[in-house]
N, C-alpha and C. Protein backbone atom coordinates (compact mmCIF):
# COMPACT_ATOMS: atom_id res chain seq x y z
N MET A 1 -13.18 6.11 -12.52
CA MET A 1 -11.76 5.82 -12.63
C MET A 1 -11.57 4.31 -12.62
N ASN A 2 -10.81 3.83 -13.54
CA ASN A 2 -10.59 2.40 -13.70
C ASN A 2 -9.32 1.98 -12.97
N ARG A 3 -9.46 1.28 -11.86
CA ARG A 3 -8.30 0.80 -11.13
C ARG A 3 -7.80 -0.48 -11.78
N ARG A 4 -6.51 -0.57 -11.90
CA ARG A 4 -5.91 -1.76 -12.50
C ARG A 4 -5.20 -2.56 -11.43
N LYS A 5 -5.27 -3.85 -11.59
CA LYS A 5 -4.60 -4.75 -10.66
C LYS A 5 -3.11 -4.75 -10.98
N PRO A 6 -2.28 -5.09 -9.98
CA PRO A 6 -0.83 -5.08 -10.22
C PRO A 6 -0.40 -5.95 -11.40
N GLU A 7 -1.04 -7.11 -11.55
CA GLU A 7 -0.66 -7.97 -12.68
C GLU A 7 -1.01 -7.33 -14.02
N GLN A 8 -2.09 -6.56 -14.05
CA GLN A 8 -2.45 -5.83 -15.28
C GLN A 8 -1.43 -4.74 -15.56
N ILE A 9 -0.96 -4.09 -14.51
CA ILE A 9 0.03 -3.03 -14.67
C ILE A 9 1.33 -3.60 -15.20
N VAL A 10 1.75 -4.75 -14.68
CA VAL A 10 2.99 -5.37 -15.15
C VAL A 10 2.87 -5.72 -16.64
N LYS A 11 1.74 -6.26 -17.05
CA LYS A 11 1.53 -6.59 -18.46
C LYS A 11 1.55 -5.32 -19.31
N LEU A 12 0.93 -4.25 -18.81
CA LEU A 12 0.92 -3.00 -19.55
C LEU A 12 2.34 -2.43 -19.68
N LEU A 13 3.14 -2.54 -18.63
CA LEU A 13 4.51 -2.05 -18.69
C LEU A 13 5.35 -2.86 -19.68
N ARG A 14 5.09 -4.16 -19.75
CA ARG A 14 5.79 -4.98 -20.75
C ARG A 14 5.41 -4.55 -22.16
N LYS A 15 4.12 -4.30 -22.35
CA LYS A 15 3.65 -3.82 -23.65
C LYS A 15 4.30 -2.48 -23.97
N ALA A 16 4.41 -1.62 -22.98
CA ALA A 16 5.05 -0.31 -23.18
C ALA A 16 6.49 -0.50 -23.60
N ASP A 17 7.20 -1.42 -22.96
CA ASP A 17 8.60 -1.67 -23.33
C ASP A 17 8.72 -2.09 -24.78
N GLU A 18 7.80 -2.96 -25.21
CA GLU A 18 7.81 -3.41 -26.61
C GLU A 18 7.56 -2.25 -27.56
N GLU A 19 6.57 -1.43 -27.24
CA GLU A 19 6.22 -0.30 -28.11
C GLU A 19 7.32 0.75 -28.14
N LEU A 20 7.91 1.00 -26.99
CA LEU A 20 8.99 1.98 -26.93
C LEU A 20 10.22 1.48 -27.69
N ALA A 21 10.44 0.16 -27.67
CA ALA A 21 11.56 -0.41 -28.43
C ALA A 21 11.34 -0.24 -29.93
N LYS A 22 10.09 -0.20 -30.34
CA LYS A 22 9.76 0.01 -31.76
C LYS A 22 9.85 1.48 -32.16
N GLY A 23 10.07 2.35 -31.18
CA GLY A 23 10.22 3.76 -31.48
C GLY A 23 9.04 4.64 -31.13
N GLU A 24 8.01 4.07 -30.53
CA GLU A 24 6.85 4.86 -30.14
C GLU A 24 7.22 5.73 -28.93
N ALA A 25 6.69 6.93 -28.89
CA ALA A 25 6.95 7.84 -27.78
C ALA A 25 6.12 7.44 -26.56
N VAL A 26 6.66 7.69 -25.38
CA VAL A 26 5.97 7.39 -24.13
C VAL A 26 4.63 8.12 -24.09
N GLU A 27 4.63 9.37 -24.51
CA GLU A 27 3.41 10.16 -24.49
C GLU A 27 2.31 9.52 -25.34
N ASP A 28 2.70 9.03 -26.52
CA ASP A 28 1.73 8.38 -27.41
C ASP A 28 1.18 7.10 -26.79
N PHE A 29 2.06 6.32 -26.20
CA PHE A 29 1.63 5.09 -25.56
C PHE A 29 0.64 5.38 -24.42
N CYS A 30 0.98 6.36 -23.61
CA CYS A 30 0.11 6.72 -22.49
C CYS A 30 -1.25 7.20 -22.98
N ARG A 31 -1.25 7.96 -24.05
CA ARG A 31 -2.51 8.44 -24.60
C ARG A 31 -3.36 7.27 -25.09
N GLU A 32 -2.75 6.31 -25.76
CA GLU A 32 -3.48 5.13 -26.25
C GLU A 32 -4.07 4.31 -25.09
N GLU A 33 -3.31 4.21 -24.02
CA GLU A 33 -3.75 3.40 -22.87
C GLU A 33 -4.58 4.20 -21.87
N GLN A 34 -4.75 5.48 -22.14
CA GLN A 34 -5.54 6.39 -21.31
C GLN A 34 -5.01 6.48 -19.88
N ILE A 35 -3.70 6.67 -19.78
CA ILE A 35 -3.07 6.91 -18.49
C ILE A 35 -2.21 8.16 -18.61
N SER A 36 -1.98 8.81 -17.49
CA SER A 36 -1.14 10.00 -17.52
C SER A 36 0.34 9.59 -17.49
N LEU A 37 1.18 10.52 -17.89
CA LEU A 37 2.62 10.25 -17.82
C LEU A 37 3.05 10.01 -16.38
N ALA A 38 2.48 10.77 -15.45
CA ALA A 38 2.83 10.60 -14.04
C ALA A 38 2.48 9.19 -13.57
N THR A 39 1.32 8.70 -13.98
CA THR A 39 0.90 7.34 -13.61
C THR A 39 1.86 6.32 -14.20
N TYR A 40 2.20 6.51 -15.48
CA TYR A 40 3.15 5.58 -16.13
C TYR A 40 4.45 5.53 -15.36
N TYR A 41 5.03 6.67 -15.03
CA TYR A 41 6.33 6.68 -14.35
C TYR A 41 6.22 6.17 -12.91
N ARG A 42 5.10 6.41 -12.26
CA ARG A 42 4.89 5.88 -10.91
C ARG A 42 4.83 4.35 -10.97
N TRP A 43 4.07 3.83 -11.94
CA TRP A 43 3.99 2.38 -12.10
C TRP A 43 5.35 1.80 -12.47
N GLN A 44 6.07 2.50 -13.33
CA GLN A 44 7.39 2.02 -13.76
C GLN A 44 8.32 1.92 -12.55
N ARG A 45 8.25 2.92 -11.68
CA ARG A 45 9.10 2.93 -10.49
C ARG A 45 8.70 1.81 -9.53
N LYS A 46 7.40 1.57 -9.39
CA LYS A 46 6.92 0.58 -8.43
C LYS A 46 6.97 -0.85 -8.96
N TYR A 47 6.56 -1.04 -10.21
CA TYR A 47 6.39 -2.39 -10.75
C TYR A 47 7.39 -2.76 -11.84
N GLY A 48 8.22 -1.82 -12.26
CA GLY A 48 9.17 -2.10 -13.33
C GLY A 48 10.10 -3.25 -12.97
N GLY A 49 10.24 -4.21 -13.84
CA GLY A 49 11.12 -5.34 -13.60
C GLY A 49 10.46 -6.51 -12.88
N LEU A 50 9.21 -6.34 -12.44
CA LEU A 50 8.53 -7.44 -11.76
C LEU A 50 7.85 -8.37 -12.75
N GLN A 51 7.74 -9.61 -12.35
CA GLN A 51 6.93 -10.56 -13.10
C GLN A 51 5.50 -10.47 -12.57
N VAL A 52 4.55 -11.04 -13.29
CA VAL A 52 3.15 -10.98 -12.89
C VAL A 52 2.96 -11.59 -11.50
N GLU A 53 3.58 -12.72 -11.24
CA GLU A 53 3.44 -13.38 -9.93
C GLU A 53 4.05 -12.52 -8.82
N ASP A 54 5.16 -11.84 -9.13
CA ASP A 54 5.76 -10.94 -8.14
C ASP A 54 4.81 -9.81 -7.79
N ALA A 55 4.13 -9.27 -8.79
CA ALA A 55 3.19 -8.17 -8.57
C ALA A 55 2.02 -8.63 -7.71
N LYS A 56 1.53 -9.84 -7.96
CA LYS A 56 0.44 -10.38 -7.14
C LYS A 56 0.90 -10.53 -5.69
N ARG A 57 2.10 -11.04 -5.51
CA ARG A 57 2.64 -11.25 -4.16
C ARG A 57 2.85 -9.90 -3.46
N LEU A 58 3.35 -8.90 -4.20
CA LEU A 58 3.54 -7.57 -3.64
C LEU A 58 2.22 -7.00 -3.14
N LYS A 59 1.18 -7.13 -3.93
CA LYS A 59 -0.13 -6.62 -3.53
C LYS A 59 -0.64 -7.35 -2.29
N ALA A 60 -0.47 -8.66 -2.26
CA ALA A 60 -0.91 -9.44 -1.10
C ALA A 60 -0.15 -9.01 0.16
N LEU A 61 1.14 -8.74 0.03
CA LEU A 61 1.93 -8.30 1.17
C LEU A 61 1.52 -6.91 1.63
N GLU A 62 1.17 -6.04 0.69
CA GLU A 62 0.71 -4.70 1.05
C GLU A 62 -0.61 -4.77 1.82
N VAL A 63 -1.51 -5.65 1.39
CA VAL A 63 -2.78 -5.83 2.09
C VAL A 63 -2.55 -6.38 3.49
N GLU A 64 -1.68 -7.39 3.59
CA GLU A 64 -1.38 -7.99 4.89
C GLU A 64 -0.73 -6.96 5.82
N ASN A 65 0.18 -6.16 5.28
CA ASN A 65 0.85 -5.13 6.07
C ASN A 65 -0.16 -4.11 6.61
N ALA A 66 -1.10 -3.70 5.78
CA ALA A 66 -2.12 -2.74 6.22
C ALA A 66 -2.97 -3.35 7.34
N LYS A 67 -3.31 -4.63 7.21
CA LYS A 67 -4.10 -5.30 8.24
C LYS A 67 -3.33 -5.38 9.55
N LEU A 68 -2.05 -5.71 9.47
CA LEU A 68 -1.23 -5.80 10.67
C LEU A 68 -1.06 -4.43 11.34
N LYS A 69 -0.90 -3.39 10.56
CA LYS A 69 -0.80 -2.04 11.12
C LYS A 69 -2.09 -1.66 11.84
N ARG A 70 -3.23 -2.01 11.25
CA ARG A 70 -4.51 -1.72 11.86
C ARG A 70 -4.66 -2.48 13.18
N LEU A 71 -4.26 -3.76 13.19
CA LEU A 71 -4.34 -4.57 14.41
C LEU A 71 -3.43 -4.01 15.50
N LEU A 72 -2.25 -3.57 15.12
CA LEU A 72 -1.32 -2.99 16.09
C LEU A 72 -1.90 -1.71 16.68
N ALA A 73 -2.47 -0.87 15.83
CA ALA A 73 -3.07 0.38 16.31
C ALA A 73 -4.21 0.08 17.28
N GLU A 74 -5.04 -0.90 16.97
CA GLU A 74 -6.14 -1.27 17.85
C GLU A 74 -5.62 -1.79 19.19
N ALA A 75 -4.56 -2.60 19.16
CA ALA A 75 -3.99 -3.15 20.39
C ALA A 75 -3.39 -2.03 21.24
N LEU A 76 -2.72 -1.07 20.61
CA LEU A 76 -2.15 0.05 21.35
C LEU A 76 -3.24 0.90 21.98
N LEU A 77 -4.32 1.12 21.26
CA LEU A 77 -5.45 1.88 21.83
C LEU A 77 -6.05 1.14 23.02
N ALA A 78 -6.21 -0.16 22.88
CA ALA A 78 -6.77 -0.96 23.98
C ALA A 78 -5.84 -0.90 25.19
N ASN A 79 -4.54 -0.98 24.97
CA ASN A 79 -3.58 -0.89 26.08
C ASN A 79 -3.66 0.47 26.77
N ASP A 80 -3.78 1.52 25.99
CA ASP A 80 -3.90 2.86 26.57
C ASP A 80 -5.18 2.97 27.40
N ALA A 81 -6.27 2.42 26.88
CA ALA A 81 -7.54 2.47 27.62
C ALA A 81 -7.43 1.71 28.93
N ILE A 82 -6.81 0.56 28.91
CA ILE A 82 -6.63 -0.24 30.13
C ILE A 82 -5.74 0.50 31.11
N ARG A 83 -4.67 1.09 30.61
CA ARG A 83 -3.75 1.84 31.47
C ARG A 83 -4.48 3.02 32.15
N GLU A 84 -5.27 3.75 31.37
CA GLU A 84 -6.04 4.86 31.94
C GLU A 84 -7.02 4.36 32.99
N PHE A 85 -7.70 3.27 32.72
CA PHE A 85 -8.66 2.71 33.67
C PHE A 85 -7.97 2.33 34.98
N LEU A 86 -6.82 1.67 34.85
CA LEU A 86 -6.11 1.23 36.05
C LEU A 86 -5.57 2.41 36.86
N GLU A 87 -5.18 3.47 36.18
CA GLU A 87 -4.68 4.66 36.89
C GLU A 87 -5.80 5.37 37.65
N LYS A 88 -7.02 5.31 37.15
CA LYS A 88 -8.15 5.99 37.77
C LYS A 88 -8.90 5.10 38.76
N LYS A 89 -8.58 3.84 38.79
CA LYS A 89 -9.29 2.89 39.66
C LYS A 89 -9.03 3.24 41.13
N PRO A 90 -10.10 3.45 41.94
CA PRO A 90 -9.93 3.90 43.32
C PRO A 90 -9.70 2.79 44.34
N ASP A 91 -9.08 1.69 43.99
CA ASP A 91 -8.89 0.60 44.95
C ASP A 91 -7.50 0.61 45.58
N GLY A 92 -6.78 1.67 45.38
CA GLY A 92 -5.48 1.76 46.01
C GLY A 92 -4.34 1.28 45.14
N ARG A 93 -4.62 0.66 44.02
CA ARG A 93 -3.53 0.15 43.17
C ARG A 93 -3.14 1.15 42.10
N GLY A 94 -3.99 2.12 41.82
CA GLY A 94 -3.71 3.07 40.75
C GLY A 94 -2.90 4.26 41.22
N ALA A 95 -2.42 5.03 40.29
CA ALA A 95 -1.59 6.19 40.60
C ALA A 95 -2.42 7.32 41.20
N ALA A 96 -3.73 7.33 41.04
CA ALA A 96 -4.58 8.42 41.52
C ALA A 96 -4.80 8.35 43.03
N CYS A 97 -4.49 7.25 43.66
CA CYS A 97 -4.79 7.07 45.08
C CYS A 97 -3.53 7.06 45.92
N HIS A 98 -2.76 8.11 45.86
CA HIS A 98 -1.56 8.20 46.71
C HIS A 98 -1.86 9.17 47.83
N ASP A 99 -1.72 8.73 49.09
CA ASP A 99 -1.99 9.59 50.25
C ASP A 99 -0.71 10.11 50.83
């Protein structure tokens, strides 16, 4: 499967707009470009109206967002582990040692 970069998708959508303006059917264009209609419409919904630089920036933000979500999940797991450790700690400060 050939993955396309966002900037390639934006260029392809511009080409599609030109071809469709000339009267070519969406189905024919998709067949020539070897993409499904569903893929075309998904790309149109996500990248339609963007410039190439906007698409690059969008991709960079998506990557950064995924990294931040992963870091947050790791921090929350670490906090839970510390909380569990402190609750089980037998030095009188944890919740497990109430007499």
